[in-house]
């Protein structure tokens, strides 16, 4: 690990002044410390965000909740209000890492987590994101856990956040602090596909931080279904988050978002259209799931993930509508 200076500001303004070129923000550290140890990142400054006042609280805001970026996943899971109002978010958080990891990993850190692609996180592999290759090595290499959507882009690593699809399905907003003040945007607009020479998966500038996530009215008819390679502790190979607004026994509006299938959380507009105005049955859920994977373009080793994504969407829809997926 390269030596660096450590800073622990106590305000948003002080933190963003310390960030920028040569600096990295530190939240829970569950991703960053590995990248530092592997020398994937070699910053001059590490800026601890956990001492910033007010970012570790879950508090009421309008008809919903405001969740600070420093709230740990364990705290999120312990919140009775989050569990009651946003089951999709709880079910997503429950599958992240181990209890020890959830005790330190934060909401903000999870949203901004770098990809877990083995070509990126290990020092010895070339990767354009690290400036050590011209083309994504996963495209012609080992790609069994990589993207099945947007595979024609410069990077086929899947987005690392398990919370992000649930927050997209729940219509959350993100507050960002930077040198020019704070701004807030829909969480979907926070993410962006990597571009050649610009490999970030979100719109954060180097001197900006996520401070809060805001959720609107309760969405008790929401669910997340996660498929793991092994149940004990692993990255998801597919997940789907669904939020339903009902009118009687029919779906008035639906939001469906897939995770672990693309470099960003992947909204499934076709599935949402297939649900609109219909009563949720096993057949309707299957039709929506089929629509969700339309356009998938798997790589040489991961066509199996299309079936996993399809199953995750179908089960998340049934779970949201009926409380059980079988």
Foldseek 3Di string as FASTA:
>chain_A
DADAAEEEDAALQVQLVPWDPQEDEDALCPQVVLLVVLVLDHGNYYYYDLNHPPQQDWADDAQWIKHWQNPFLVNCLVDPRCVQFQVALNQLSVQAFAPVRSVRHTNQCLLQPDFPPPQRSHNVHAAVVSPRDQAGPCQVNVPQLWAQAPPVARYTGFRQHSNLQSLLQQFKKWWKQHNVGIDIGTSVQQADCAHRVRHGGGDDHRSMGTTIIIGHHGQQLKHKDFAAPDRNGGGTSKMKIKTFDDDVQATQWMWIWMGSHGRHIHTQVQLRVLRHGGHDDLVSLLNSLVSRLPRGHDGPNHPVSSVVHSLNSSQRNCCSNPVGRD
